[in-house]
């Protein structure tokens, strides 16, 4: 996402995951900016959490919320590069 935005001439300052998501949302690369922010925050939480219930909740979120977001972005990129 970051590389695509920068290649498109969008300057990301500061270069942080949250800033990239915000710029991608503004550029209409993704349509659920809050979902991507939630995914990033959950990823950050999981990297420092060793709670089994938190892990199980994350698995549900990955399957139901985050996989569709990732698939949508993947399809958007495929469409974008098939038509360029």
C-alpha atoms as a PDB file:
ATOM      1  CA  UNK A   1       0.000   0.000   0.000  1.00  0.00           C
ATOM      2  CA  UNK A   2       2.795   2.384   0.976  1.00  0.00           C
ATOM      3  CA  UNK A   3       4.769   1.642  -2.170  1.00  0.00           C
ATOM      4  CA  UNK A   4       1.714   2.103  -4.377  1.00  0.00           C
ATOM      5  CA  UNK A   5       0.852   5.434  -2.772  1.00  0.00           C
ATOM      6  CA  UNK A   6       4.403   6.740  -3.040  1.00  0.00           C
ATOM      7  CA  UNK A   7       4.648   5.533  -6.634  1.00  0.00           C
ATOM      8  CA  UNK A   8       1.433   7.462  -7.304  1.00  0.00           C
ATOM      9  CA  UNK A   9       3.091  10.634  -6.021  1.00  0.00           C
ATOM     10  CA  UNK A  10       1.463  10.736  -2.602  1.00  0.00           C
ATOM     11  CA  UNK A  11       3.823  11.944   0.087  1.00  0.00           C
ATOM     12  CA  UNK A  12       3.352  10.143   3.403  1.00  0.00           C
ATOM     13  CA  UNK A  13       4.647  12.045   6.407  1.00  0.00           C
ATOM     14  CA  UNK A  14       5.392  10.578   8.840  1.00  0.00           C
ATOM     15  CA  UNK A  15       5.774   7.127   7.337  1.00  0.00           C
ATOM     16  CA  UNK A  16       3.803   5.083   9.834  1.00  0.00           C
ATOM     17  CA  UNK A  17       1.251   2.314   9.309  1.00  0.00           C
ATOM     18  CA  UNK A  18      -1.530   4.623  10.515  1.00  0.00           C
ATOM     19  CA  UNK A  19      -0.490   7.409   8.140  1.00  0.00           C
ATOM     20  CA  UNK A  20      -0.346   4.951   5.231  1.00  0.00           C
ATOM     21  CA  UNK A  21      -3.845   3.713   6.023  1.00  0.00           C
ATOM     22  CA  UNK A  22      -5.183   7.260   6.270  1.00  0.00           C
ATOM     23  CA  UNK A  23      -3.622   8.212   2.930  1.00  0.00           C
ATOM     24  CA  UNK A  24      -4.896   5.017   1.289  1.00  0.00           C
ATOM     25  CA  UNK A  25      -8.398   5.786   2.518  1.00  0.00           C
ATOM     26  CA  UNK A  26      -8.184   9.389   1.285  1.00  0.00           C
ATOM     27  CA  UNK A  27      -6.969   8.161  -2.124  1.00  0.00           C
ATOM     28  CA  UNK A  28      -9.844   5.629  -2.257  1.00  0.00           C
ATOM     29  CA  UNK A  29      -7.428   2.709  -2.393  1.00  0.00           C
ATOM     30  CA  UNK A  30      -9.328   1.187   0.540  1.00  0.00           C
ATOM     31  CA  UNK A  31     -12.916   1.876   1.521  1.00  0.00           C
ATOM     32  CA  UNK A  32     -12.875   0.934   5.212  1.00  0.00           C
ATOM     33  CA  UNK A  33     -10.151   2.952   6.852  1.00  0.00           C
ATOM     34  CA  UNK A  34     -11.402   2.175  10.364  1.00  0.00           C
ATOM     35  CA  UNK A  35     -11.322  -1.547   9.637  1.00  0.00           C
ATOM     36  CA  UNK A  36      -7.684  -1.263   8.570  1.00  0.00           C
ATOM     37  CA  UNK A  37      -6.859   0.784  11.682  1.00  0.00           C
ATOM     38  CA  UNK A  38      -8.567  -1.861  13.828  1.00  0.00           C
ATOM     39  CA  UNK A  39      -6.577  -4.590  12.062  1.00  0.00           C
ATOM     40  CA  UNK A  40      -3.328  -2.738  12.718  1.00  0.00           C
ATOM     41  CA  UNK A  41      -4.196  -2.163  16.387  1.00  0.00           C
ATOM     42  CA  UNK A  42      -5.168  -5.799  16.894  1.00  0.00           C
ATOM     43  CA  UNK A  43      -1.932  -6.925  15.272  1.00  0.00           C
ATOM     44  CA  UNK A  44       0.002  -4.658  17.635  1.00  0.00           C
ATOM     45  CA  UNK A  45      -1.929  -5.959  20.631  1.00  0.00           C
ATOM     46  CA  UNK A  46      -1.349  -9.591  19.670  1.00  0.00           C
ATOM     47  CA  UNK A  47       2.376  -9.119  19.355  1.00  0.00           C
ATOM     48  CA  UNK A  48       2.492  -8.370  23.096  1.00  0.00           C
ATOM     49  CA  UNK A  49      -0.392 -10.473  24.418  1.00  0.00           C
ATOM     50  CA  UNK A  50      -0.273 -14.078  25.476  1.00  0.00           C
ATOM     51  CA  UNK A  51      -3.903 -14.482  26.439  1.00  0.00           C
ATOM     52  CA  UNK A  52      -5.729 -17.418  24.851  1.00  0.00           C
ATOM     53  CA  UNK A  53      -9.142 -15.703  24.826  1.00  0.00           C
ATOM     54  CA  UNK A  54      -7.656 -12.617  23.154  1.00  0.00           C
ATOM     55  CA  UNK A  55      -6.087 -14.914  20.572  1.00  0.00           C
ATOM     56  CA  UNK A  56      -9.408 -16.663  19.898  1.00  0.00           C
ATOM     57  CA  UNK A  57     -11.145 -13.318  19.492  1.00  0.00           C
ATOM     58  CA  UNK A  58      -8.446 -12.246  17.057  1.00  0.00           C
ATOM     59  CA  UNK A  59      -8.971 -15.410  15.001  1.00  0.00           C
ATOM     60  CA  UNK A  60     -12.656 -14.592  14.643  1.00  0.00           C
ATOM     61  CA  UNK A  61     -11.836 -11.000  13.668  1.00  0.00           C
ATOM     62  CA  UNK A  62      -9.263 -12.148  11.136  1.00  0.00           C
ATOM     63  CA  UNK A  63     -11.732 -14.498   9.501  1.00  0.00           C
ATOM     64  CA  UNK A  64     -14.777 -12.222   9.575  1.00  0.00           C
ATOM     65  CA  UNK A  65     -13.375  -8.677   9.368  1.00  0.00           C
ATOM     66  CA  UNK A  66      -9.797  -8.563   8.202  1.00  0.00           C
ATOM     67  CA  UNK A  67      -9.650 -11.228   5.487  1.00  0.00           C
ATOM     68  CA  UNK A  68     -12.392  -9.461   3.497  1.00  0.00           C
ATOM     69  CA  UNK A  69     -10.435  -6.198   3.802  1.00  0.00           C
ATOM     70  CA  UNK A  70      -7.239  -7.861   2.588  1.00  0.00           C
ATOM     71  CA  UNK A  71      -9.097  -9.616  -0.240  1.00  0.00           C
ATOM     72  CA  UNK A  72     -10.713  -6.353  -1.312  1.00  0.00           C
ATOM     73  CA  UNK A  73      -7.341  -4.593  -1.412  1.00  0.00           C
ATOM     74  CA  UNK A  74      -5.820  -7.505  -3.330  1.00  0.00           C
ATOM     75  CA  UNK A  75      -8.638  -7.400  -5.889  1.00  0.00           C
ATOM     76  CA  UNK A  76      -8.340  -3.630  -6.187  1.00  0.00           C
ATOM     77  CA  UNK A  77      -4.628  -3.955  -6.899  1.00  0.00           C
ATOM     78  CA  UNK A  78      -5.215  -6.746  -9.420  1.00  0.00           C
ATOM     79  CA  UNK A  79      -7.830  -4.662 -11.225  1.00  0.00           C
ATOM     80  CA  UNK A  80      -5.599  -1.611 -11.149  1.00  0.00           C
ATOM     81  CA  UNK A  81      -2.639  -3.382 -12.718  1.00  0.00           C
ATOM     82  CA  UNK A  82      -4.655  -5.346 -15.253  1.00  0.00           C
ATOM     83  CA  UNK A  83      -5.972  -2.064 -16.657  1.00  0.00           C
ATOM     84  CA  UNK A  84      -2.694  -0.085 -16.701  1.00  0.00           C
END
